[in-house]
mmCIF file of all heavy atoms, coordinates in Angstrom:
data_MODEL
# 
_entry.id   MODEL 
# 
loop_
_atom_site.group_PDB 
_atom_site.id 
_atom_site.type_symbol 
_atom_site.label_atom_id 
_atom_site.label_alt_id 
_atom_site.label_comp_id 
_atom_site.label_asym_id 
_atom_site.label_entity_id 
_atom_site.label_seq_id 
_atom_site.pdbx_PDB_ins_code 
_atom_site.Cartn_x 
_atom_site.Cartn_y 
_atom_site.Cartn_z 
_atom_site.occupancy 
_atom_site.B_iso_or_equiv 
_atom_site.pdbx_formal_charge 
_atom_site.auth_seq_id 
_atom_site.auth_comp_id 
_atom_site.auth_asym_id 
_atom_site.auth_atom_id 
_atom_site.pdbx_PDB_model_num 
ATOM 1   N N   . ALA A 1 1  ? 17.748  -0.421  -2.055 1.00 0.00 ? 1  ALA A N   1 
ATOM 2   C CA  . ALA A 1 1  ? 16.686  -0.338  -3.064 1.00 0.00 ? 1  ALA A CA  1 
ATOM 3   C C   . ALA A 1 1  ? 15.529  -1.279  -2.749 1.00 0.00 ? 1  ALA A C   1 
ATOM 4   O O   . ALA A 1 1  ? 14.366  -0.950  -3.015 1.00 0.00 ? 1  ALA A O   1 
ATOM 5   C CB  . ALA A 1 1  ? 17.253  -0.622  -4.444 1.00 0.00 ? 1  ALA A CB  1 
ATOM 6   N N   . ALA A 1 2  ? 15.804  -2.434  -2.168 1.00 0.00 ? 2  ALA A N   1 
ATOM 7   C CA  . ALA A 1 2  ? 14.732  -3.383  -1.841 1.00 0.00 ? 2  ALA A CA  1 
ATOM 8   C C   . ALA A 1 2  ? 13.796  -2.799  -0.789 1.00 0.00 ? 2  ALA A C   1 
ATOM 9   O O   . ALA A 1 2  ? 12.572  -2.943  -0.886 1.00 0.00 ? 2  ALA A O   1 
ATOM 10  C CB  . ALA A 1 2  ? 15.325  -4.703  -1.354 1.00 0.00 ? 2  ALA A CB  1 
ATOM 11  N N   . LEU A 1 3  ? 14.350  -2.117  0.204  1.00 0.00 ? 3  LEU A N   1 
ATOM 12  C CA  . LEU A 1 3  ? 13.524  -1.480  1.231  1.00 0.00 ? 3  LEU A CA  1 
ATOM 13  C C   . LEU A 1 3  ? 12.668  -0.379  0.614  1.00 0.00 ? 3  LEU A C   1 
ATOM 14  O O   . LEU A 1 3  ? 11.483  -0.263  0.924  1.00 0.00 ? 3  LEU A O   1 
ATOM 15  C CB  . LEU A 1 3  ? 14.394  -0.918  2.357  1.00 0.00 ? 3  LEU A CB  1 
ATOM 16  C CG  . LEU A 1 3  ? 13.584  -0.284  3.470  1.00 0.00 ? 3  LEU A CG  1 
ATOM 17  C CD1 . LEU A 1 3  ? 13.541  -1.204  4.679  1.00 0.00 ? 3  LEU A CD1 1 
ATOM 18  C CD2 . LEU A 1 3  ? 14.183  1.037   3.867  1.00 0.00 ? 3  LEU A CD2 1 
ATOM 19  N N   . VAL A 1 4  ? 13.261  0.406   -0.273 1.00 0.00 ? 4  VAL A N   1 
ATOM 20  C CA  . VAL A 1 4  ? 12.522  1.479   -0.942 1.00 0.00 ? 4  VAL A CA  1 
ATOM 21  C C   . VAL A 1 4  ? 11.366  0.895   -1.747 1.00 0.00 ? 4  VAL A C   1 
ATOM 22  O O   . VAL A 1 4  ? 10.235  1.409   -1.692 1.00 0.00 ? 4  VAL A O   1 
ATOM 23  C CB  . VAL A 1 4  ? 13.454  2.333   -1.828 1.00 0.00 ? 4  VAL A CB  1 
ATOM 24  C CG1 . VAL A 1 4  ? 12.665  3.354   -2.632 1.00 0.00 ? 4  VAL A CG1 1 
ATOM 25  C CG2 . VAL A 1 4  ? 14.524  3.023   -0.977 1.00 0.00 ? 4  VAL A CG2 1 
ATOM 26  N N   . ARG A 1 5  ? 11.613  -0.171  -2.485 1.00 0.00 ? 5  ARG A N   1 
ATOM 27  C CA  . ARG A 1 5  ? 10.539  -0.805  -3.281 1.00 0.00 ? 5  ARG A CA  1 
ATOM 28  C C   . ARG A 1 5  ? 9.413   -1.324  -2.388 1.00 0.00 ? 5  ARG A C   1 
ATOM 29  O O   . ARG A 1 5  ? 8.233   -1.155  -2.695 1.00 0.00 ? 5  ARG A O   1 
ATOM 30  C CB  . ARG A 1 5  ? 11.099  -1.945  -4.131 1.00 0.00 ? 5  ARG A CB  1 
ATOM 31  C CG  . ARG A 1 5  ? 11.799  -1.486  -5.397 1.00 0.00 ? 5  ARG A CG  1 
ATOM 32  C CD  . ARG A 1 5  ? 12.106  -2.650  -6.329 1.00 0.00 ? 5  ARG A CD  1 
ATOM 33  N NE  . ARG A 1 5  ? 12.903  -3.704  -5.711 1.00 0.00 ? 5  ARG A NE  1 
ATOM 34  C CZ  . ARG A 1 5  ? 14.220  -3.684  -5.601 1.00 0.00 ? 5  ARG A CZ  1 
ATOM 35  N NH1 . ARG A 1 5  ? 14.921  -2.680  -6.090 1.00 0.00 ? 5  ARG A NH1 1 
ATOM 36  N NH2 . ARG A 1 5  ? 14.873  -4.686  -5.023 1.00 0.00 ? 5  ARG A NH2 1 
ATOM 37  N N   . LYS A 1 6  ? 9.785   -1.962  -1.304 1.00 0.00 ? 6  LYS A N   1 
ATOM 38  C CA  . LYS A 1 6  ? 8.779   -2.491  -0.378 1.00 0.00 ? 6  LYS A CA  1 
ATOM 39  C C   . LYS A 1 6  ? 7.952   -1.352  0.215  1.00 0.00 ? 6  LYS A C   1 
ATOM 40  O O   . LYS A 1 6  ? 6.717   -1.423  0.271  1.00 0.00 ? 6  LYS A O   1 
ATOM 41  C CB  . LYS A 1 6  ? 9.463   -3.293  0.730  1.00 0.00 ? 6  LYS A CB  1 
ATOM 42  C CG  . LYS A 1 6  ? 8.503   -4.007  1.638  1.00 0.00 ? 6  LYS A CG  1 
ATOM 43  C CD  . LYS A 1 6  ? 9.256   -4.956  2.552  1.00 0.00 ? 6  LYS A CD  1 
ATOM 44  C CE  . LYS A 1 6  ? 8.269   -5.929  3.169  1.00 0.00 ? 6  LYS A CE  1 
ATOM 45  N NZ  . LYS A 1 6  ? 8.915   -7.037  3.803  1.00 0.00 ? 6  LYS A NZ  1 
ATOM 46  N N   . PHE A 1 7  ? 8.614   -0.299  0.655  1.00 0.00 ? 7  PHE A N   1 
ATOM 47  C CA  . PHE A 1 7  ? 7.946   0.869   1.231  1.00 0.00 ? 7  PHE A CA  1 
ATOM 48  C C   . PHE A 1 7  ? 7.010   1.483   0.192  1.00 0.00 ? 7  PHE A C   1 
ATOM 49  O O   . PHE A 1 7  ? 5.863   1.829   0.490  1.00 0.00 ? 7  PHE A O   1 
ATOM 50  C CB  . PHE A 1 7  ? 9.006   1.857   1.707  1.00 0.00 ? 7  PHE A CB  1 
ATOM 51  C CG  . PHE A 1 7  ? 8.532   3.002   2.561  1.00 0.00 ? 7  PHE A CG  1 
ATOM 52  C CD1 . PHE A 1 7  ? 9.462   3.906   3.041  1.00 0.00 ? 7  PHE A CD1 1 
ATOM 53  C CD2 . PHE A 1 7  ? 7.206   3.201   2.900  1.00 0.00 ? 7  PHE A CD2 1 
ATOM 54  C CE1 . PHE A 1 7  ? 9.091   4.978   3.836  1.00 0.00 ? 7  PHE A CE1 1 
ATOM 55  C CE2 . PHE A 1 7  ? 6.815   4.278   3.703  1.00 0.00 ? 7  PHE A CE2 1 
ATOM 56  C CZ  . PHE A 1 7  ? 7.765   5.172   4.161  1.00 0.00 ? 7  PHE A CZ  1 
ATOM 57  N N   . ASP A 1 8  ? 7.465   1.597   -1.043 1.00 0.00 ? 8  ASP A N   1 
ATOM 58  C CA  . ASP A 1 8  ? 6.625   2.178   -2.087 1.00 0.00 ? 8  ASP A CA  1 
ATOM 59  C C   . ASP A 1 8  ? 5.412   1.298   -2.378 1.00 0.00 ? 8  ASP A C   1 
ATOM 60  O O   . ASP A 1 8  ? 4.323   1.805   -2.662 1.00 0.00 ? 8  ASP A O   1 
ATOM 61  C CB  . ASP A 1 8  ? 7.425   2.431   -3.362 1.00 0.00 ? 8  ASP A CB  1 
ATOM 62  C CG  . ASP A 1 8  ? 6.664   3.333   -4.312 1.00 0.00 ? 8  ASP A CG  1 
ATOM 63  O OD1 . ASP A 1 8  ? 6.256   4.448   -3.890 1.00 0.00 ? 8  ASP A OD1 1 
ATOM 64  O OD2 . ASP A 1 8  ? 6.440   2.924   -5.466 1.00 0.00 ? 8  ASP A OD2 1 
ATOM 65  N N   . GLY A 1 9  ? 5.567   0.000   -2.279 1.00 0.00 ? 9  GLY A N   1 
ATOM 66  C CA  . GLY A 1 9  ? 4.411   -0.893  -2.424 1.00 0.00 ? 9  GLY A CA  1 
ATOM 67  C C   . GLY A 1 9  ? 3.384   -0.638  -1.337 1.00 0.00 ? 9  GLY A C   1 
ATOM 68  O O   . GLY A 1 9  ? 2.171   -0.637  -1.596 1.00 0.00 ? 9  GLY A O   1 
ATOM 69  N N   . PHE A 1 10 ? 3.854   -0.402  -0.121 1.00 0.00 ? 10 PHE A N   1 
ATOM 70  C CA  . PHE A 1 10 ? 2.938   -0.064  0.966  1.00 0.00 ? 10 PHE A CA  1 
ATOM 71  C C   . PHE A 1 10 ? 2.271   1.294   0.723  1.00 0.00 ? 10 PHE A C   1 
ATOM 72  O O   . PHE A 1 10 ? 1.111   1.496   1.081  1.00 0.00 ? 10 PHE A O   1 
ATOM 73  C CB  . PHE A 1 10 ? 3.667   -0.069  2.311  1.00 0.00 ? 10 PHE A CB  1 
ATOM 74  C CG  . PHE A 1 10 ? 4.028   -1.438  2.794  1.00 0.00 ? 10 PHE A CG  1 
ATOM 75  C CD1 . PHE A 1 10 ? 5.318   -1.698  3.240  1.00 0.00 ? 10 PHE A CD1 1 
ATOM 76  C CD2 . PHE A 1 10 ? 3.103   -2.469  2.826  1.00 0.00 ? 10 PHE A CD2 1 
ATOM 77  C CE1 . PHE A 1 10 ? 5.668   -2.956  3.709  1.00 0.00 ? 10 PHE A CE1 1 
ATOM 78  C CE2 . PHE A 1 10 ? 3.440   -3.736  3.281  1.00 0.00 ? 10 PHE A CE2 1 
ATOM 79  C CZ  . PHE A 1 10 ? 4.732   -3.981  3.728  1.00 0.00 ? 10 PHE A CZ  1 
ATOM 80  N N   . ARG A 1 11 ? 2.994   2.220   0.099  1.00 0.00 ? 11 ARG A N   1 
ATOM 81  C CA  . ARG A 1 11 ? 2.400   3.520   -0.244 1.00 0.00 ? 11 ARG A CA  1 
ATOM 82  C C   . ARG A 1 11 ? 1.221   3.317   -1.195 1.00 0.00 ? 11 ARG A C   1 
ATOM 83  O O   . ARG A 1 11 ? 0.144   3.905   -1.013 1.00 0.00 ? 11 ARG A O   1 
ATOM 84  C CB  . ARG A 1 11 ? 3.438   4.448   -0.897 1.00 0.00 ? 11 ARG A CB  1 
ATOM 85  C CG  . ARG A 1 11 ? 2.845   5.793   -1.359 1.00 0.00 ? 11 ARG A CG  1 
ATOM 86  C CD  . ARG A 1 11 ? 3.831   6.587   -2.204 1.00 0.00 ? 11 ARG A CD  1 
ATOM 87  N NE  . ARG A 1 11 ? 4.203   5.918   -3.433 1.00 0.00 ? 11 ARG A NE  1 
ATOM 88  C CZ  . ARG A 1 11 ? 3.467   5.920   -4.547 1.00 0.00 ? 11 ARG A CZ  1 
ATOM 89  N NH1 . ARG A 1 11 ? 2.311   6.551   -4.600 1.00 0.00 ? 11 ARG A NH1 1 
ATOM 90  N NH2 . ARG A 1 11 ? 3.906   5.294   -5.629 1.00 0.00 ? 11 ARG A NH2 1 
ATOM 91  N N   . ARG A 1 12 ? 1.423   2.479   -2.197 1.00 0.00 ? 12 ARG A N   1 
ATOM 92  C CA  . ARG A 1 12 ? 0.342   2.213   -3.154 1.00 0.00 ? 12 ARG A CA  1 
ATOM 93  C C   . ARG A 1 12 ? -0.852  1.565   -2.467 1.00 0.00 ? 12 ARG A C   1 
ATOM 94  O O   . ARG A 1 12 ? -2.004  1.927   -2.727 1.00 0.00 ? 12 ARG A O   1 
ATOM 95  C CB  . ARG A 1 12 ? 0.853   1.340   -4.291 1.00 0.00 ? 12 ARG A CB  1 
ATOM 96  C CG  . ARG A 1 12 ? 1.763   2.074   -5.236 1.00 0.00 ? 12 ARG A CG  1 
ATOM 97  C CD  . ARG A 1 12 ? 2.057   1.226   -6.485 1.00 0.00 ? 12 ARG A CD  1 
ATOM 98  N NE  . ARG A 1 12 ? 3.264   1.701   -7.086 1.00 0.00 ? 12 ARG A NE  1 
ATOM 99  C CZ  . ARG A 1 12 ? 4.445   1.097   -7.013 1.00 0.00 ? 12 ARG A CZ  1 
ATOM 100 N NH1 . ARG A 1 12 ? 4.564   -0.059  -6.407 1.00 0.00 ? 12 ARG A NH1 1 
ATOM 101 N NH2 . ARG A 1 12 ? 5.505   1.616   -7.580 1.00 0.00 ? 12 ARG A NH2 1 
ATOM 102 N N   . LYS A 1 13 ? -0.590  0.626   -1.587 1.00 0.00 ? 13 LYS A N   1 
ATOM 103 C CA  . LYS A 1 13 ? -1.661  -0.041  -0.841 1.00 0.00 ? 13 LYS A CA  1 
ATOM 104 C C   . LYS A 1 13 ? -2.392  0.981   0.027  1.00 0.00 ? 13 LYS A C   1 
ATOM 105 O O   . LYS A 1 13 ? -3.618  1.022   0.066  1.00 0.00 ? 13 LYS A O   1 
ATOM 106 C CB  . LYS A 1 13 ? -1.071  -1.170  0.008  1.00 0.00 ? 13 LYS A CB  1 
ATOM 107 C CG  . LYS A 1 13 ? -2.077  -1.921  0.834  1.00 0.00 ? 13 LYS A CG  1 
ATOM 108 C CD  . LYS A 1 13 ? -2.839  -2.901  -0.019 1.00 0.00 ? 13 LYS A CD  1 
ATOM 109 C CE  . LYS A 1 13 ? -3.605  -3.879  0.830  1.00 0.00 ? 13 LYS A CE  1 
ATOM 110 N NZ  . LYS A 1 13 ? -3.972  -5.067  0.088  1.00 0.00 ? 13 LYS A NZ  1 
ATOM 111 N N   . ARG A 1 14 ? -1.652  1.822   0.702  1.00 0.00 ? 14 ARG A N   1 
ATOM 112 C CA  . ARG A 1 14 ? -2.244  2.849   1.561  1.00 0.00 ? 14 ARG A CA  1 
ATOM 113 C C   . ARG A 1 14 ? -3.125  3.801   0.749  1.00 0.00 ? 14 ARG A C   1 
ATOM 114 O O   . ARG A 1 14 ? -4.202  4.186   1.181  1.00 0.00 ? 14 ARG A O   1 
ATOM 115 C CB  . ARG A 1 14 ? -1.142  3.609   2.286  1.00 0.00 ? 14 ARG A CB  1 
ATOM 116 C CG  . ARG A 1 14 ? -1.652  4.708   3.194  1.00 0.00 ? 14 ARG A CG  1 
ATOM 117 C CD  . ARG A 1 14 ? -1.322  6.010   2.540  1.00 0.00 ? 14 ARG A CD  1 
ATOM 118 N NE  . ARG A 1 14 ? -1.805  7.131   3.311  1.00 0.00 ? 14 ARG A NE  1 
ATOM 119 C CZ  . ARG A 1 14 ? -2.024  8.303   2.768  1.00 0.00 ? 14 ARG A CZ  1 
ATOM 120 N NH1 . ARG A 1 14 ? -1.824  8.497   1.488  1.00 0.00 ? 14 ARG A NH1 1 
ATOM 121 N NH2 . ARG A 1 14 ? -2.453  9.291   3.484  1.00 0.00 ? 14 ARG A NH2 1 
ATOM 122 N N   . ASN A 1 15 ? -2.686  4.156   -0.456 1.00 0.00 ? 15 ASN A N   1 
ATOM 123 C CA  . ASN A 1 15 ? -3.506  5.027   -1.303 1.00 0.00 ? 15 ASN A CA  1 
ATOM 124 C C   . ASN A 1 15 ? -4.823  4.355   -1.661 1.00 0.00 ? 15 ASN A C   1 
ATOM 125 O O   . ASN A 1 15 ? -5.876  4.999   -1.653 1.00 0.00 ? 15 ASN A O   1 
ATOM 126 C CB  . ASN A 1 15 ? -2.750  5.424   -2.565 1.00 0.00 ? 15 ASN A CB  1 
ATOM 127 C CG  . ASN A 1 15 ? -1.690  6.457   -2.313 1.00 0.00 ? 15 ASN A CG  1 
ATOM 128 O OD1 . ASN A 1 15 ? -1.588  7.027   -1.226 1.00 0.00 ? 15 ASN A OD1 1 
ATOM 129 N ND2 . ASN A 1 15 ? -0.847  6.697   -3.301 1.00 0.00 ? 15 ASN A ND2 1 
ATOM 130 N N   . ARG A 1 16 ? -4.768  3.071   -1.980 1.00 0.00 ? 16 ARG A N   1 
ATOM 131 C CA  . ARG A 1 16 ? -6.004  2.351   -2.309 1.00 0.00 ? 16 ARG A CA  1 
ATOM 132 C C   . ARG A 1 16 ? -6.924  2.274   -1.092 1.00 0.00 ? 16 ARG A C   1 
ATOM 133 O O   . ARG A 1 16 ? -8.125  2.472   -1.202 1.00 0.00 ? 16 ARG A O   1 
ATOM 134 C CB  . ARG A 1 16 ? -5.694  0.960   -2.854 1.00 0.00 ? 16 ARG A CB  1 
ATOM 135 C CG  . ARG A 1 16 ? -5.092  0.990   -4.257 1.00 0.00 ? 16 ARG A CG  1 
ATOM 136 C CD  . ARG A 1 16 ? -5.025  -0.383  -4.907 1.00 0.00 ? 16 ARG A CD  1 
ATOM 137 N NE  . ARG A 1 16 ? -4.350  -1.405  -4.134 1.00 0.00 ? 16 ARG A NE  1 
ATOM 138 C CZ  . ARG A 1 16 ? -3.037  -1.627  -4.113 1.00 0.00 ? 16 ARG A CZ  1 
ATOM 139 N NH1 . ARG A 1 16 ? -2.232  -0.884  -4.851 1.00 0.00 ? 16 ARG A NH1 1 
ATOM 140 N NH2 . ARG A 1 16 ? -2.519  -2.596  -3.387 1.00 0.00 ? 16 ARG A NH2 1 
ATOM 141 N N   . VAL A 1 17 ? -6.343  2.003   0.077  1.00 0.00 ? 17 VAL A N   1 
ATOM 142 C CA  . VAL A 1 17 ? -7.129  1.910   1.306  1.00 0.00 ? 17 VAL A CA  1 
ATOM 143 C C   . VAL A 1 17 ? -7.748  3.267   1.644  1.00 0.00 ? 17 VAL A C   1 
ATOM 144 O O   . VAL A 1 17 ? -8.899  3.345   2.069  1.00 0.00 ? 17 VAL A O   1 
ATOM 145 C CB  . VAL A 1 17 ? -6.254  1.409   2.481  1.00 0.00 ? 17 VAL A CB  1 
ATOM 146 C CG1 . VAL A 1 17 ? -6.961  1.562   3.821  1.00 0.00 ? 17 VAL A CG1 1 
ATOM 147 C CG2 . VAL A 1 17 ? -5.838  -0.037  2.253  1.00 0.00 ? 17 VAL A CG2 1 
ATOM 148 N N   . SER A 1 18 ? -7.008  4.341   1.426  1.00 0.00 ? 18 SER A N   1 
ATOM 149 C CA  . SER A 1 18 ? -7.458  5.676   1.821  1.00 0.00 ? 18 SER A CA  1 
ATOM 150 C C   . SER A 1 18 ? -8.372  6.359   0.822  1.00 0.00 ? 18 SER A C   1 
ATOM 151 O O   . SER A 1 18 ? -9.283  7.090   1.216  1.00 0.00 ? 18 SER A O   1 
ATOM 152 C CB  . SER A 1 18 ? -6.243  6.584   2.044  1.00 0.00 ? 18 SER A CB  1 
ATOM 153 O OG  . SER A 1 18 ? -5.445  6.093   3.080  1.00 0.00 ? 18 SER A OG  1 
ATOM 154 N N   . TYR A 1 19 ? -8.121  6.170   -0.465 1.00 0.00 ? 19 TYR A N   1 
ATOM 155 C CA  . TYR A 1 19 ? -8.787  7.000   -1.459 1.00 0.00 ? 19 TYR A CA  1 
ATOM 156 C C   . TYR A 1 19 ? -9.681  6.244   -2.433 1.00 0.00 ? 19 TYR A C   1 
ATOM 157 O O   . TYR A 1 19 ? -10.550 6.839   -3.049 1.00 0.00 ? 19 TYR A O   1 
ATOM 158 C CB  . TYR A 1 19 ? -7.748  7.781   -2.280 1.00 0.00 ? 19 TYR A CB  1 
ATOM 159 C CG  . TYR A 1 19 ? -6.834  8.622   -1.431 1.00 0.00 ? 19 TYR A CG  1 
ATOM 160 C CD1 . TYR A 1 19 ? -5.466  8.407   -1.425 1.00 0.00 ? 19 TYR A CD1 1 
ATOM 161 C CD2 . TYR A 1 19 ? -7.344  9.620   -0.618 1.00 0.00 ? 19 TYR A CD2 1 
ATOM 162 C CE1 . TYR A 1 19 ? -4.618  9.185   -0.649 1.00 0.00 ? 19 TYR A CE1 1 
ATOM 163 C CE2 . TYR A 1 19 ? -6.511  10.395  0.171  1.00 0.00 ? 19 TYR A CE2 1 
ATOM 164 C CZ  . TYR A 1 19 ? -5.160  10.171  0.151  1.00 0.00 ? 19 TYR A CZ  1 
ATOM 165 O OH  . TYR A 1 19 ? -4.327  10.922  0.920  1.00 0.00 ? 19 TYR A OH  1 
ATOM 166 N N   . ASP A 1 20 ? -9.445  4.972   -2.627 1.00 0.00 ? 20 ASP A N   1 
ATOM 167 C CA  . ASP A 1 20 ? -10.222 4.207   -3.590 1.00 0.00 ? 20 ASP A CA  1 
ATOM 168 C C   . ASP A 1 20 ? -11.274 3.383   -2.860 1.00 0.00 ? 20 ASP A C   1 
ATOM 169 O O   . ASP A 1 20 ? -11.515 3.575   -1.678 1.00 0.00 ? 20 ASP A O   1 
ATOM 170 C CB  . ASP A 1 20 ? -9.304  3.283   -4.404 1.00 0.00 ? 20 ASP A CB  1 
ATOM 171 C CG  . ASP A 1 20 ? -8.316  4.059   -5.260 1.00 0.00 ? 20 ASP A CG  1 
ATOM 172 O OD1 . ASP A 1 20 ? -8.598  5.230   -5.584 1.00 0.00 ? 20 ASP A OD1 1 
ATOM 173 O OD2 . ASP A 1 20 ? -7.263  3.499   -5.598 1.00 0.00 ? 20 ASP A OD2 1 
ATOM 174 N N   . ALA A 1 21 ? -11.845 2.469   -3.571 1.00 0.00 ? 21 ALA A N   1 
ATOM 175 C CA  . ALA A 1 21 ? -12.787 1.545   -2.956 1.00 0.00 ? 21 ALA A CA  1 
ATOM 176 C C   . ALA A 1 21 ? -12.058 0.770   -1.860 1.00 0.00 ? 21 ALA A C   1 
ATOM 177 O O   . ALA A 1 21 ? -10.855 0.544   -1.950 1.00 0.00 ? 21 ALA A O   1 
ATOM 178 C CB  . ALA A 1 21 ? -13.331 0.592   -4.007 1.00 0.00 ? 21 ALA A CB  1 
ATOM 179 N N   . PRO A 1 22 ? -12.785 0.362   -0.839 1.00 0.00 ? 22 PRO A N   1 
ATOM 180 C CA  . PRO A 1 22 ? -12.128 -0.371  0.248  1.00 0.00 ? 22 PRO A CA  1 
ATOM 181 C C   . PRO A 1 22 ? -11.329 -1.565  -0.269 1.00 0.00 ? 22 PRO A C   1 
ATOM 182 O O   . PRO A 1 22 ? -11.788 -2.316  -1.123 1.00 0.00 ? 22 PRO A O   1 
ATOM 183 C CB  . PRO A 1 22 ? -13.296 -0.840  1.115  1.00 0.00 ? 22 PRO A CB  1 
ATOM 184 C CG  . PRO A 1 22 ? -14.404 0.111   0.802  1.00 0.00 ? 22 PRO A CG  1 
ATOM 185 C CD  . PRO A 1 22 ? -14.210 0.509   -0.629 1.00 0.00 ? 22 PRO A CD  1 
ATOM 186 N N   . VAL A 1 23 ? -10.131 -1.676  0.238  1.00 0.00 ? 23 VAL A N   1 
ATOM 187 C CA  . VAL A 1 23 ? -9.228  -2.761  -0.130 1.00 0.00 ? 23 VAL A CA  1 
ATOM 188 C C   . VAL A 1 23 ? -8.815  -3.436  1.167  1.00 0.00 ? 23 VAL A C   1 
ATOM 189 O O   . VAL A 1 23 ? -8.468  -2.771  2.147  1.00 0.00 ? 23 VAL A O   1 
ATOM 190 C CB  . VAL A 1 23 ? -7.972  -2.204  -0.859 1.00 0.00 ? 23 VAL A CB  1 
ATOM 191 C CG1 . VAL A 1 23 ? -6.979  -3.300  -1.118 1.00 0.00 ? 23 VAL A CG1 1 
ATOM 192 C CG2 . VAL A 1 23 ? -8.366  -1.503  -2.135 1.00 0.00 ? 23 VAL A CG2 1 
ATOM 193 N N   . ALA A 1 24 ? -8.857  -4.723  1.187  1.00 0.00 ? 24 ALA A N   1 
ATOM 194 C CA  . ALA A 1 24 ? -8.491  -5.454  2.395  1.00 0.00 ? 24 ALA A CA  1 
ATOM 195 C C   . ALA A 1 24 ? -6.990  -5.347  2.662  1.00 0.00 ? 24 ALA A C   1 
ATOM 196 O O   . ALA A 1 24 ? -6.179  -5.392  1.734  1.00 0.00 ? 24 ALA A O   1 
ATOM 197 C CB  . ALA A 1 24 ? -8.895  -6.915  2.258  1.00 0.00 ? 24 ALA A CB  1 
ATOM 198 N N   . VAL A 1 25 ? -6.661  -5.176  3.910  1.00 0.00 ? 25 VAL A N   1 
ATOM 199 C CA  . VAL A 1 25 ? -5.284  -5.206  4.371  1.00 0.00 ? 25 VAL A CA  1 
ATOM 200 C C   . VAL A 1 25 ? -5.164  -6.461  5.222  1.00 0.00 ? 25 VAL A C   1 
ATOM 201 O O   . VAL A 1 25 ? -5.975  -6.699  6.117  1.00 0.00 ? 25 VAL A O   1 
ATOM 202 C CB  . VAL A 1 25 ? -4.947  -3.957  5.217  1.00 0.00 ? 25 VAL A CB  1 
ATOM 203 C CG1 . VAL A 1 25 ? -3.568  -4.077  5.838  1.00 0.00 ? 25 VAL A CG1 1 
ATOM 204 C CG2 . VAL A 1 25 ? -5.065  -2.688  4.390  1.00 0.00 ? 25 VAL A CG2 1 
ATOM 205 N N   . SER A 1 26 ? -4.169  -7.250  4.952  1.00 0.00 ? 26 SER A N   1 
ATOM 206 C CA  . SER A 1 26 ? -3.987  -8.486  5.713  1.00 0.00 ? 26 SER A CA  1 
ATOM 207 C C   . SER A 1 26 ? -3.197  -8.216  6.993  1.00 0.00 ? 26 SER A C   1 
ATOM 208 O O   . SER A 1 26 ? -2.482  -7.210  7.103  1.00 0.00 ? 26 SER A O   1 
ATOM 209 C CB  . SER A 1 26 ? -3.260  -9.526  4.861  1.00 0.00 ? 26 SER A CB  1 
ATOM 210 O OG  . SER A 1 26 ? -1.902  -9.148  4.684  1.00 0.00 ? 26 SER A OG  1 
ATOM 211 N N   . GLU A 1 27 ? -3.326  -9.129  7.930  1.00 0.00 ? 27 GLU A N   1 
ATOM 212 C CA  . GLU A 1 27 ? -2.528  -9.053  9.159  1.00 0.00 ? 27 GLU A CA  1 
ATOM 213 C C   . GLU A 1 27 ? -1.035  -9.074  8.818  1.00 0.00 ? 27 GLU A C   1 
ATOM 214 O O   . GLU A 1 27 ? -0.245  -8.371  9.440  1.00 0.00 ? 27 GLU A O   1 
ATOM 215 C CB  . GLU A 1 27 ? -2.868  -10.220 10.095 1.00 0.00 ? 27 GLU A CB  1 
ATOM 216 C CG  . GLU A 1 27 ? -4.221  -10.121 10.755 1.00 0.00 ? 27 GLU A CG  1 
ATOM 217 C CD  . GLU A 1 27 ? -4.313  -9.050  11.840 1.00 0.00 ? 27 GLU A CD  1 
ATOM 218 O OE1 . GLU A 1 27 ? -3.262  -8.584  12.346 1.00 0.00 ? 27 GLU A OE1 1 
ATOM 219 O OE2 . GLU A 1 27 ? -5.446  -8.673  12.171 1.00 0.00 ? 27 GLU A OE2 1 
# 
């Protein structure tokens, strides 16, 4: 479940990066 939660957090970040206003992604 922890891996799934982490992956889903990255999904949300990716959606913001792709579809919303530019969002910074850290190294």
